[in-house]
PDB file of all heavy atoms in Angstrom:
ATOM      1  N   GLY A   1       0.846  -1.159  -0.004  1.00  0.00           N
ATOM      2  CA  GLY A   1       0.022  -0.036   0.010  1.00  0.00           C
ATOM      3  C   GLY A   1       0.798   1.220  -0.011  1.00  0.00           C
ATOM      4  O   GLY A   1       2.051   1.246   0.314  1.00  0.00           O
ATOM      5  N   LEU A   2       0.199   2.343  -0.352  1.00  0.00           N
ATOM      6  CA  LEU A   2       0.942   3.667  -0.495  1.00  0.00           C
ATOM      7  C   LEU A   2       1.437   4.143   0.814  1.00  0.00           C
ATOM      8  O   LEU A   2       2.616   4.597   0.948  1.00  0.00           O
ATOM      9  CB  LEU A   2      -0.063   4.728  -1.076  1.00  0.00           C
ATOM     10  CG  LEU A   2       0.512   6.128  -1.210  1.00  0.00           C
ATOM     11  CD1 LEU A   2       1.680   6.158  -2.154  1.00  0.00           C
ATOM     12  CD2 LEU A   2      -0.607   7.037  -1.643  1.00  0.00           C
ATOM     13  N   LYS A   3       0.645   3.952   1.920  1.00  0.00           N
ATOM     14  CA  LYS A   3       1.116   4.471   3.209  1.00  0.00           C
ATOM     15  C   LYS A   3       2.295   3.716   3.684  1.00  0.00           C
ATOM     16  O   LYS A   3       3.301   4.292   4.234  1.00  0.00           O
ATOM     17  CB  LYS A   3      -0.044   4.298   4.239  1.00  0.00           C
ATOM     18  CG  LYS A   3       0.122   5.031   5.511  1.00  0.00           C
ATOM     19  CD  LYS A   3      -1.190   4.914   6.379  1.00  0.00           C
ATOM     20  CE  LYS A   3      -0.993   5.671   7.670  1.00  0.00           C
ATOM     21  NZ  LYS A   3      -2.246   5.488   8.543  1.00  0.00           N
ATOM     22  N   ALA A   4       2.384   2.371   3.470  1.00  0.00           N
ATOM     23  CA  ALA A   4       3.524   1.530   3.811  1.00  0.00           C
ATOM     24  C   ALA A   4       4.741   1.999   3.001  1.00  0.00           C
ATOM     25  O   ALA A   4       5.837   2.097   3.547  1.00  0.00           O
ATOM     26  CB  ALA A   4       3.237   0.103   3.661  1.00  0.00           C
ATOM     27  N   MET A   5       4.553   2.236   1.722  1.00  0.00           N
ATOM     28  CA  MET A   5       5.697   2.597   0.833  1.00  0.00           C
ATOM     29  C   MET A   5       6.199   3.919   1.320  1.00  0.00           C
ATOM     30  O   MET A   5       7.504   4.102   1.397  1.00  0.00           O
ATOM     31  CB  MET A   5       5.185   2.703  -0.556  1.00  0.00           C
ATOM     32  CG  MET A   5       6.241   3.070  -1.572  1.00  0.00           C
ATOM     33  SD  MET A   5       5.682   3.087  -3.324  1.00  0.00           S
ATOM     34  CE  MET A   5       4.557   4.464  -3.240  1.00  0.00           C
ATOM     35  N   LEU A   6       5.372   4.932   1.677  1.00  0.00           N
ATOM     36  CA  LEU A   6       5.858   6.231   2.034  1.00  0.00           C
ATOM     37  C   LEU A   6       6.570   6.136   3.373  1.00  0.00           C
ATOM     38  O   LEU A   6       7.605   6.866   3.610  1.00  0.00           O
ATOM     39  CB  LEU A   6       4.675   7.207   2.172  1.00  0.00           C
ATOM     40  CG  LEU A   6       3.998   7.588   0.871  1.00  0.00           C
ATOM     41  CD1 LEU A   6       2.808   8.455   1.158  1.00  0.00           C
ATOM     42  CD2 LEU A   6       4.957   8.288  -0.065  1.00  0.00           C
ATOM     43  N   HIS A   7       6.174   5.187   4.242  1.00  0.00           N
ATOM     44  CA  HIS A   7       6.839   4.961   5.551  1.00  0.00           C
ATOM     45  C   HIS A   7       8.250   4.462   5.275  1.00  0.00           C
ATOM     46  O   HIS A   7       9.241   4.941   5.924  1.00  0.00           O
ATOM     47  CB  HIS A   7       6.055   3.936   6.379  1.00  0.00           C
ATOM     48  CG  HIS A   7       6.760   3.464   7.562  1.00  0.00           C
ATOM     49  ND1 HIS A   7       7.215   2.215   7.632  1.00  0.00           N
ATOM     50  CD2 HIS A   7       7.122   4.107   8.711  1.00  0.00           C
ATOM     51  CE1 HIS A   7       7.858   2.000   8.786  1.00  0.00           C
ATOM     52  NE2 HIS A   7       7.789   3.145   9.478  1.00  0.00           N
ATOM     53  N   LYS A   8       8.388   3.495   4.378  1.00  0.00           N
ATOM     54  CA  LYS A   8       9.780   2.920   4.050  1.00  0.00           C
ATOM     55  C   LYS A   8      10.615   3.995   3.326  1.00  0.00           C
ATOM     56  O   LYS A   8      11.781   4.060   3.536  1.00  0.00           O
ATOM     57  CB  LYS A   8       9.583   1.706   3.222  1.00  0.00           C
ATOM     58  CG  LYS A   8       8.849   0.563   3.940  1.00  0.00           C
ATOM     59  CD  LYS A   8       9.475   0.164   5.170  1.00  0.00           C
ATOM     60  CE  LYS A   8       8.863  -0.950   5.945  1.00  0.00           C
ATOM     61  NZ  LYS A   8       7.560  -0.571   6.573  1.00  0.00           N
ATOM     62  N   PHE A   9      10.039   4.843   2.504  1.00  0.00           N
ATOM     63  CA  PHE A   9      10.728   5.906   1.862  1.00  0.00           C
ATOM     64  C   PHE A   9      11.322   6.869   2.838  1.00  0.00           C
ATOM     65  O   PHE A   9      12.461   7.289   2.829  1.00  0.00           O
ATOM     66  CB  PHE A   9       9.910   6.666   0.865  1.00  0.00           C
ATOM     67  CG  PHE A   9       9.590   5.927  -0.420  1.00  0.00           C
ATOM     68  CD1 PHE A   9      10.146   4.667  -0.611  1.00  0.00           C
ATOM     69  CD2 PHE A   9       8.877   6.498  -1.423  1.00  0.00           C
ATOM     70  CE1 PHE A   9       9.931   3.990  -1.818  1.00  0.00           C
ATOM     71  CE2 PHE A   9       8.649   5.854  -2.649  1.00  0.00           C
ATOM     72  CZ  PHE A   9       9.107   4.608  -2.816  1.00  0.00           C
ATOM     73  N   GLU A  10      10.480   7.191   3.888  1.00  0.00           N
ATOM     74  CA  GLU A  10      10.929   8.164   4.942  1.00  0.00           C
ATOM     75  C   GLU A  10      12.044   7.560   5.741  1.00  0.00           C
ATOM     76  O   GLU A  10      13.006   8.190   6.142  1.00  0.00           O
ATOM     77  CB  GLU A  10       9.767   8.527   5.801  1.00  0.00           C
ATOM     78  CG  GLU A  10      10.097   9.673   6.749  1.00  0.00           C
ATOM     79  CD  GLU A  10       8.880  10.326   7.388  1.00  0.00           C
ATOM     80  OE1 GLU A  10       7.763   9.942   7.089  1.00  0.00           O
ATOM     81  OE2 GLU A  10       9.078  11.200   8.238  1.00  0.00           O
ATOM     82  N   LEU A  11      11.937   6.229   6.022  1.00  0.00           N
ATOM     83  CA  LEU A  11      13.063   5.568   6.731  1.00  0.00           C
ATOM     84  C   LEU A  11      14.402   5.680   5.903  1.00  0.00           C
ATOM     85  O   LEU A  11      15.483   5.871   6.421  1.00  0.00           O
ATOM     86  CB  LEU A  11      12.698   4.081   6.933  1.00  0.00           C
ATOM     87  CG  LEU A  11      12.102   3.649   8.229  1.00  0.00           C
ATOM     88  CD1 LEU A  11      11.878   2.137   8.257  1.00  0.00           C
ATOM     89  CD2 LEU A  11      13.106   3.973   9.397  1.00  0.00           C
ATOM     90  N   ILE A  12      14.238   5.331   4.546  1.00  0.00           N
ATOM     91  CA  ILE A  12      15.368   5.384   3.717  1.00  0.00           C
ATOM     92  C   ILE A  12      16.068   6.833   3.698  1.00  0.00           C
ATOM     93  O   ILE A  12      17.273   6.936   3.898  1.00  0.00           O
ATOM     94  CB  ILE A  12      15.065   4.953   2.291  1.00  0.00           C
ATOM     95  CG1 ILE A  12      14.661   3.446   2.318  1.00  0.00           C
ATOM     96  CG2 ILE A  12      16.190   5.242   1.309  1.00  0.00           C
ATOM     97  CD1 ILE A  12      14.075   3.010   0.967  1.00  0.00           C
ATOM     98  N   TYR A  13      15.245   7.813   3.497  1.00  0.00           N
ATOM     99  CA  TYR A  13      15.756   9.175   3.399  1.00  0.00           C
ATOM    100  C   TYR A  13      16.289   9.631   4.772  1.00  0.00           C
ATOM    101  O   TYR A  13      17.261  10.377   4.770  1.00  0.00           O
ATOM    102  CB  TYR A  13      14.620  10.147   2.956  1.00  0.00           C
ATOM    103  CG  TYR A  13      14.393  10.097   1.462  1.00  0.00           C
ATOM    104  CD1 TYR A  13      13.141   9.864   0.967  1.00  0.00           C
ATOM    105  CD2 TYR A  13      15.412  10.298   0.535  1.00  0.00           C
ATOM    106  CE1 TYR A  13      12.826   9.790  -0.360  1.00  0.00           C
ATOM    107  CE2 TYR A  13      15.184  10.176  -0.831  1.00  0.00           C
ATOM    108  CZ  TYR A  13      13.884   9.977  -1.304  1.00  0.00           C
ATOM    109  OH  TYR A  13      13.654   9.930  -2.623  1.00  0.00           O
ATOM    110  N   SER A  14      15.710   9.245   5.856  1.00  0.00           N
ATOM    111  CA  SER A  14      16.210   9.605   7.192  1.00  0.00           C
ATOM    112  C   SER A  14      17.483   8.982   7.534  1.00  0.00           C
ATOM    113  O   SER A  14      18.383   9.617   8.119  1.00  0.00           O
ATOM    114  CB  SER A  14      15.093   9.319   8.252  1.00  0.00           C
ATOM    115  OG  SER A  14      13.960  10.023   8.008  1.00  0.00           O
ATOM    116  N   ILE A  15      17.642   7.651   7.251  1.00  0.00           N
ATOM    117  CA  ILE A  15      18.810   6.865   7.620  1.00  0.00           C
ATOM    118  C   ILE A  15      19.908   7.096   6.559  1.00  0.00           C
ATOM    119  O   ILE A  15      21.101   7.116   6.923  1.00  0.00           O
ATOM    120  CB  ILE A  15      18.505   5.402   7.753  1.00  0.00           C
ATOM    121  CG1 ILE A  15      17.424   5.209   8.856  1.00  0.00           C
ATOM    122  CG2 ILE A  15      19.727   4.585   8.049  1.00  0.00           C
ATOM    123  CD1 ILE A  15      17.864   5.552  10.228  1.00  0.00           C
ATOM    124  N   ASP A  16      19.544   7.190   5.304  1.00  0.00           N
ATOM    125  CA  ASP A  16      20.504   7.278   4.138  1.00  0.00           C
ATOM    126  C   ASP A  16      21.489   6.122   4.197  1.00  0.00           C
ATOM    127  O   ASP A  16      22.683   6.310   4.314  1.00  0.00           O
ATOM    128  CB  ASP A  16      21.262   8.665   4.225  1.00  0.00           C
ATOM    129  CG  ASP A  16      22.091   8.846   2.975  1.00  0.00           C
ATOM    130  OD1 ASP A  16      21.692   8.407   1.886  1.00  0.00           O
ATOM    131  OD2 ASP A  16      23.141   9.589   3.080  1.00  0.00           O
ATOM    132  N   PRO A  17      21.004   4.903   4.119  1.00  0.00           N
ATOM    133  CA  PRO A  17      21.860   3.755   4.234  1.00  0.00           C
ATOM    134  C   PRO A  17      22.825   3.550   3.065  1.00  0.00           C
ATOM    135  O   PRO A  17      22.499   3.970   1.912  1.00  0.00           O
ATOM    136  CB  PRO A  17      20.852   2.550   4.222  1.00  0.00           C
ATOM    137  CG  PRO A  17      19.663   3.048   3.470  1.00  0.00           C
ATOM    138  CD  PRO A  17      19.576   4.522   3.802  1.00  0.00           C
ATOM    139  N   ASP A  18      23.840   2.887   3.321  1.00  0.00           N
ATOM    140  CA  ASP A  18      24.923   2.545   2.180  1.00  0.00           C
ATOM    141  C   ASP A  18      24.330   1.368   1.373  1.00  0.00           C
ATOM    142  O   ASP A  18      24.642   1.356   0.191  1.00  0.00           O
ATOM    143  CB  ASP A  18      26.202   2.134   2.861  1.00  0.00           C
ATOM    144  CG  ASP A  18      26.788   3.291   3.624  1.00  0.00           C
ATOM    145  OD1 ASP A  18      27.231   4.229   3.053  1.00  0.00           O
ATOM    146  OD2 ASP A  18      26.877   3.178   4.891  1.00  0.00           O
ATOM    147  N   TYR A  19      23.623   0.523   1.930  1.00  0.00           N
ATOM    148  CA  TYR A  19      23.036  -0.668   1.256  1.00  0.00           C
ATOM    149  C   TYR A  19      21.618  -0.864   1.704  1.00  0.00           C
ATOM    150  O   TYR A  19      21.236  -0.710   2.890  1.00  0.00           O
ATOM    151  CB  TYR A  19      23.836  -1.920   1.538  1.00  0.00           C
ATOM    152  CG  TYR A  19      25.341  -1.845   1.291  1.00  0.00           C
ATOM    153  CD1 TYR A  19      26.211  -1.589   2.363  1.00  0.00           C
ATOM    154  CD2 TYR A  19      25.829  -1.925  -0.006  1.00  0.00           C
ATOM    155  CE1 TYR A  19      27.565  -1.485   2.150  1.00  0.00           C
ATOM    156  CE2 TYR A  19      27.220  -1.817  -0.197  1.00  0.00           C
ATOM    157  CZ  TYR A  19      28.078  -1.591   0.850  1.00  0.00           C
ATOM    158  OH  TYR A  19      29.433  -1.488   0.629  1.00  0.00           O
ATOM    159  N   ILE A  20      20.773  -1.269   0.762  1.00  0.00           N
ATOM    160  CA  ILE A  20      19.356  -1.703   1.107  1.00  0.00           C
ATOM    161  C   ILE A  20      19.203  -3.107   0.592  1.00  0.00           C
ATOM    162  O   ILE A  20      19.248  -3.406  -0.596  1.00  0.00           O
ATOM    163  CB  ILE A  20      18.353  -0.755   0.371  1.00  0.00           C
ATOM    164  CG1 ILE A  20      18.613   0.679   0.749  1.00  0.00           C
ATOM    165  CG2 ILE A  20      16.944  -1.170   0.699  1.00  0.00           C
ATOM    166  CD1 ILE A  20      17.747   1.682  -0.010  1.00  0.00           C
ATOM    167  N   ILE A  21      19.025  -3.998   1.511  1.00  0.00           N
ATOM    168  CA  ILE A  21      18.780  -5.437   1.174  1.00  0.00           C
ATOM    169  C   ILE A  21      17.339  -5.681   1.019  1.00  0.00           C
ATOM    170  O   ILE A  21      16.554  -5.388   1.970  1.00  0.00           O
ATOM    171  CB  ILE A  21      19.495  -6.358   2.176  1.00  0.00           C
ATOM    172  CG1 ILE A  21      20.922  -6.244   2.173  1.00  0.00           C
ATOM    173  CG2 ILE A  21      19.035  -7.798   1.937  1.00  0.00           C
ATOM    174  CD1 ILE A  21      21.728  -7.092   3.133  1.00  0.00           C
ATOM    175  N   ILE A  22      16.896  -6.175  -0.084  1.00  0.00           N
ATOM    176  CA  ILE A  22      15.500  -6.452  -0.389  1.00  0.00           C
ATOM    177  C   ILE A  22      15.368  -7.957  -0.717  1.00  0.00           C
ATOM    178  O   ILE A  22      16.252  -8.588  -1.191  1.00  0.00           O
ATOM    179  CB  ILE A  22      14.988  -5.589  -1.568  1.00  0.00           C
ATOM    180  CG1 ILE A  22      15.771  -5.770  -2.816  1.00  0.00           C
ATOM    181  CG2 ILE A  22      14.948  -4.117  -1.138  1.00  0.00           C
ATOM    182  CD1 ILE A  22      15.217  -5.101  -4.033  1.00  0.00           C
ATOM    183  N   PHE A  23      14.105  -8.438  -0.369  1.00  0.00           N
ATOM    184  CA  PHE A  23      13.847  -9.893  -0.605  1.00  0.00           C
ATOM    185  C   PHE A  23      12.852 -10.097  -1.656  1.00  0.00           C
ATOM    186  O   PHE A  23      12.363 -11.213  -1.933  1.00  0.00           O
ATOM    187  CB  PHE A  23      13.363 -10.505   0.668  1.00  0.00           C
ATOM    188  CG  PHE A  23      14.433 -10.438   1.810  1.00  0.00           C
ATOM    189  CD1 PHE A  23      14.599  -9.350   2.563  1.00  0.00           C
ATOM    190  CD2 PHE A  23      15.244 -11.578   2.080  1.00  0.00           C
ATOM    191  CE1 PHE A  23      15.553  -9.282   3.560  1.00  0.00           C
ATOM    192  CE2 PHE A  23      16.212 -11.493   3.031  1.00  0.00           C
ATOM    193  CZ  PHE A  23      16.330 -10.334   3.758  1.00  0.00           C
ATOM    194  N   ASP A  24      12.471  -9.124  -2.402  1.00  0.00           N
ATOM    195  CA  ASP A  24      11.476  -9.175  -3.494  1.00  0.00           C
ATOM    196  C   ASP A  24      12.052  -8.312  -4.594  1.00  0.00           C
ATOM    197  O   ASP A  24      12.163  -7.090  -4.420  1.00  0.00           O
ATOM    198  CB  ASP A  24      10.140  -8.727  -3.035  1.00  0.00           C
ATOM    199  CG  ASP A  24       9.072  -8.903  -4.112  1.00  0.00           C
ATOM    200  OD1 ASP A  24       9.371  -8.974  -5.276  1.00  0.00           O
ATOM    201  OD2 ASP A  24       7.839  -8.923  -3.745  1.00  0.00           O
ATOM    202  N   GLN A  25      12.279  -8.798  -5.765  1.00  0.00           N
ATOM    203  CA  GLN A  25      12.915  -8.135  -6.874  1.00  0.00           C
ATOM    204  C   GLN A  25      12.030  -6.876  -7.273  1.00  0.00           C
ATOM    205  O   GLN A  25      12.526  -5.842  -7.677  1.00  0.00           O
ATOM    206  CB  GLN A  25      13.182  -9.025  -8.073  1.00  0.00           C
ATOM    207  CG  GLN A  25      13.971  -8.339  -9.162  1.00  0.00           C
ATOM    208  CD  GLN A  25      15.398  -8.059  -8.783  1.00  0.00           C
ATOM    209  OE1 GLN A  25      16.091  -8.855  -8.226  1.00  0.00           O
ATOM    210  NE2 GLN A  25      15.830  -6.802  -9.001  1.00  0.00           N
ATOM    211  N   LYS A  26      10.767  -7.053  -7.117  1.00  0.00           N
ATOM    212  CA  LYS A  26       9.778  -6.008  -7.535  1.00  0.00           C
ATOM    213  C   LYS A  26       9.949  -4.737  -6.653  1.00  0.00           C
ATOM    214  O   LYS A  26       9.690  -3.650  -7.060  1.00  0.00           O
ATOM    215  CB  LYS A  26       8.343  -6.488  -7.454  1.00  0.00           C
ATOM    216  CG  LYS A  26       8.041  -7.619  -8.515  1.00  0.00           C
ATOM    217  CD  LYS A  26       6.528  -8.031  -8.353  1.00  0.00           C
ATOM    218  CE  LYS A  26       6.235  -9.132  -9.321  1.00  0.00           C
ATOM    219  NZ  LYS A  26       4.848  -9.670  -9.101  1.00  0.00           N
ATOM    220  N   MET A  27      10.385  -4.985  -5.437  1.00  0.00           N
ATOM    221  CA  MET A  27      10.574  -3.837  -4.471  1.00  0.00           C
ATOM    222  C   MET A  27      11.591  -2.895  -5.049  1.00  0.00           C
ATOM    223  O   MET A  27      11.579  -1.698  -4.745  1.00  0.00           O
ATOM    224  CB  MET A  27      10.926  -4.345  -3.119  1.00  0.00           C
ATOM    225  CG  MET A  27       9.836  -4.975  -2.350  1.00  0.00           C
ATOM    226  SD  MET A  27      10.304  -5.377  -0.614  1.00  0.00           S
ATOM    227  CE  MET A  27      10.629  -3.751   0.007  1.00  0.00           C
ATOM    228  N   LYS A  28      12.633  -3.387  -5.716  1.00  0.00           N
ATOM    229  CA  LYS A  28      13.714  -2.523  -6.273  1.00  0.00           C
ATOM    230  C   LYS A  28      13.168  -1.462  -7.154  1.00  0.00           C
ATOM    231  O   LYS A  28      13.669  -0.302  -7.118  1.00  0.00           O
ATOM    232  CB  LYS A  28      14.802  -3.390  -6.932  1.00  0.00           C
ATOM    233  CG  LYS A  28      15.973  -2.592  -7.340  1.00  0.00           C
ATOM    234  CD  LYS A  28      17.007  -3.515  -7.946  1.00  0.00           C
ATOM    235  CE  LYS A  28      18.307  -2.747  -8.347  1.00  0.00           C
ATOM    236  NZ  LYS A  28      19.376  -3.593  -8.852  1.00  0.00           N
ATOM    237  N   ASP A  29      12.160  -1.802  -7.915  1.00  0.00           N
ATOM    238  CA  ASP A  29      11.641  -0.824  -8.849  1.00  0.00           C
ATOM    239  C   ASP A  29      10.787   0.249  -8.166  1.00  0.00           C
ATOM    240  O   ASP A  29      10.501   1.270  -8.734  1.00  0.00           O
ATOM    241  CB  ASP A  29      10.738  -1.541  -9.898  1.00  0.00           C
ATOM    242  CG  ASP A  29      11.458  -2.572 -10.735  1.00  0.00           C
ATOM    243  OD1 ASP A  29      12.744  -2.293 -10.962  1.00  0.00           O
ATOM    244  OD2 ASP A  29      10.948  -3.562 -11.149  1.00  0.00           O
ATOM    245  N   THR A  30      10.411   0.020  -6.950  1.00  0.00           N
ATOM    246  CA  THR A  30       9.623   1.005  -6.220  1.00  0.00           C
ATOM    247  C   THR A  30      10.465   1.950  -5.374  1.00  0.00           C
ATOM    248  O   THR A  30       9.995   2.924  -4.849  1.00  0.00           O
ATOM    249  CB  THR A  30       8.586   0.375  -5.309  1.00  0.00           C
ATOM    250  OG1 THR A  30       9.238  -0.330  -4.253  1.00  0.00           O
ATOM    251  CG2 THR A  30       7.682  -0.614  -6.093  1.00  0.00           C
ATOM    252  N   LEU A  31      11.731   1.565  -5.282  1.00  0.00           N
ATOM    253  CA  LEU A  31      12.680   2.433  -4.450  1.00  0.00           C
ATOM    254  C   LEU A  31      12.903   3.791  -5.134  1.00  0.00           C
ATOM    255  O   LEU A  31      12.811   3.865  -6.389  1.00  0.00           O
ATOM    256  CB  LEU A  31      14.017   1.741  -4.293  1.00  0.00           C
ATOM    257  CG  LEU A  31      14.041   0.429  -3.398  1.00  0.00           C
ATOM    258  CD1 LEU A  31      15.517  -0.117  -3.458  1.00  0.00           C
ATOM    259  CD2 LEU A  31      13.590   0.757  -2.002  1.00  0.00           C
ATOM    260  N   PRO A  32      13.195   4.852  -4.364  1.00  0.00           N
ATOM    261  CA  PRO A  32      13.546   6.123  -4.965  1.00  0.00           C
ATOM    262  C   PRO A  32      14.690   5.926  -5.940  1.00  0.00           C
ATOM    263  O   PRO A  32      15.618   5.129  -5.674  1.00  0.00           O
ATOM    264  CB  PRO A  32      13.981   6.975  -3.801  1.00  0.00           C
ATOM    265  CG  PRO A  32      13.186   6.348  -2.593  1.00  0.00           C
ATOM    266  CD  PRO A  32      13.148   4.897  -2.876  1.00  0.00           C
ATOM    267  N   ASN A  33      14.727   6.659  -7.070  1.00  0.00           N
ATOM    268  CA  ASN A  33      15.651   6.396  -8.089  1.00  0.00           C
ATOM    269  C   ASN A  33      17.141   6.492  -7.628  1.00  0.00           C
ATOM    270  O   ASN A  33      18.006   5.658  -8.010  1.00  0.00           O
ATOM    271  CB  ASN A  33      15.464   7.463  -9.210  1.00  0.00           C
ATOM    272  CG  ASN A  33      14.232   7.238 -10.036  1.00  0.00           C
ATOM    273  OD1 ASN A  33      13.806   6.108 -10.131  1.00  0.00           O
ATOM    274  ND2 ASN A  33      13.627   8.275 -10.567  1.00  0.00           N
ATOM    275  N   ASN A  34      17.434   7.447  -6.730  1.00  0.00           N
ATOM    276  CA  ASN A  34      18.839   7.591  -6.321  1.00  0.00           C
ATOM    277  C   ASN A  34      19.255   6.539  -5.324  1.00  0.00           C
ATOM    278  O   ASN A  34      20.422   6.578  -4.799  1.00  0.00           O
ATOM    279  CB  ASN A  34      19.031   9.069  -5.731  1.00  0.00           C
ATOM    280  CG  ASN A  34      18.014   9.365  -4.661  1.00  0.00           C
ATOM    281  OD1 ASN A  34      16.883   8.934  -4.708  1.00  0.00           O
ATOM    282  ND2 ASN A  34      18.391  10.124  -3.641  1.00  0.00           N
ATOM    283  N   TYR A  35      18.429   5.594  -4.959  1.00  0.00           N
ATOM    284  CA  TYR A  35      18.792   4.544  -3.976  1.00  0.00           C
ATOM    285  C   TYR A  35      18.710   3.177  -4.674  1.00  0.00           C
ATOM    286  O   TYR A  35      19.121   2.163  -4.007  1.00  0.00           O
ATOM    287  CB  TYR A  35      17.824   4.533  -2.804  1.00  0.00           C
ATOM    288  CG  TYR A  35      18.168   5.624  -1.843  1.00  0.00           C
ATOM    289  CD1 TYR A  35      17.520   6.827  -1.794  1.00  0.00           C
ATOM    290  CD2 TYR A  35      19.187   5.440  -0.836  1.00  0.00           C
ATOM    291  CE1 TYR A  35      17.775   7.855  -0.900  1.00  0.00           C
ATOM    292  CE2 TYR A  35      19.477   6.411   0.037  1.00  0.00           C
ATOM    293  CZ  TYR A  35      18.797   7.605   0.034  1.00  0.00           C
ATOM    294  OH  TYR A  35      19.057   8.557   0.968  1.00  0.00           O
ATOM    295  N   ARG A  36      18.289   3.081  -5.918  1.00  0.00           N
ATOM    296  CA  ARG A  36      18.223   1.768  -6.531  1.00  0.00           C
ATOM    297  C   ARG A  36      19.563   1.076  -6.761  1.00  0.00           C
ATOM    298  O   ARG A  36      19.656  -0.147  -6.696  1.00  0.00           O
ATOM    299  CB  ARG A  36      17.475   1.876  -7.902  1.00  0.00           C
ATOM    300  CG  ARG A  36      15.999   2.265  -7.720  1.00  0.00           C
ATOM    301  CD  ARG A  36      15.267   2.344  -9.016  1.00  0.00           C
ATOM    302  NE  ARG A  36      13.932   2.888  -8.815  1.00  0.00           N
ATOM    303  CZ  ARG A  36      13.036   3.132  -9.759  1.00  0.00           C
ATOM    304  NH1 ARG A  36      13.404   2.901 -11.071  1.00  0.00           N
ATOM    305  NH2 ARG A  36      11.858   3.570  -9.543  1.00  0.00           N
ATOM    306  N   ASN A  37      20.599   1.907  -6.918  1.00  0.00           N
ATOM    307  CA  ASN A  37      21.906   1.309  -7.137  1.00  0.00           C
ATOM    308  C   ASN A  37      22.521   0.895  -5.798  1.00  0.00           C
ATOM    309  O   ASN A  37      23.538   0.260  -5.778  1.00  0.00           O
ATOM    310  CB  ASN A  37      22.860   2.345  -7.787  1.00  0.00           C
ATOM    311  CG  ASN A  37      23.123   3.566  -6.986  1.00  0.00           C
ATOM    312  OD1 ASN A  37      22.293   3.922  -6.063  1.00  0.00           O
ATOM    313  ND2 ASN A  37      24.126   4.329  -7.292  1.00  0.00           N
ATOM    314  N   ARG A  38      21.882   1.132  -4.670  1.00  0.00           N
ATOM    315  CA  ARG A  38      22.360   0.647  -3.389  1.00  0.00           C
ATOM    316  C   ARG A  38      21.588  -0.637  -2.942  1.00  0.00           C
ATOM    317  O   ARG A  38      21.875  -1.209  -1.916  1.00  0.00           O
ATOM    318  CB  ARG A  38      22.136   1.713  -2.308  1.00  0.00           C
ATOM    319  CG  ARG A  38      22.757   3.072  -2.596  1.00  0.00           C
ATOM    320  CD  ARG A  38      22.634   3.979  -1.457  1.00  0.00           C
ATOM    321  NE  ARG A  38      22.934   5.366  -1.818  1.00  0.00           N
ATOM    322  CZ  ARG A  38      22.987   6.385  -0.943  1.00  0.00           C
ATOM    323  NH1 ARG A  38      22.776   6.162   0.379  1.00  0.00           N
ATOM    324  NH2 ARG A  38      23.264   7.579  -1.366  1.00  0.00           N
ATOM    325  N   ALA A  39      20.679  -1.006  -3.758  1.00  0.00           N
ATOM    326  CA  ALA A  39      19.801  -2.241  -3.380  1.00  0.00           C
ATOM    327  C   ALA A  39      20.498  -3.498  -3.805  1.00  0.00           C
ATOM    328  O   ALA A  39      21.093  -3.615  -4.884  1.00  0.00           O
ATOM    329  CB  ALA A  39      18.438  -2.078  -4.119  1.00  0.00           C
TER     330      ALA A  39
END
């Protein structure tokens, strides 16, 4: 859902991680553009 996605985006922008480990390939396409290369 949209609310969950925005929550995860806010976590990403707040933490600014070096790596984002995902367990669903489709999730990579929903990540903010500037973080997809860290996935």
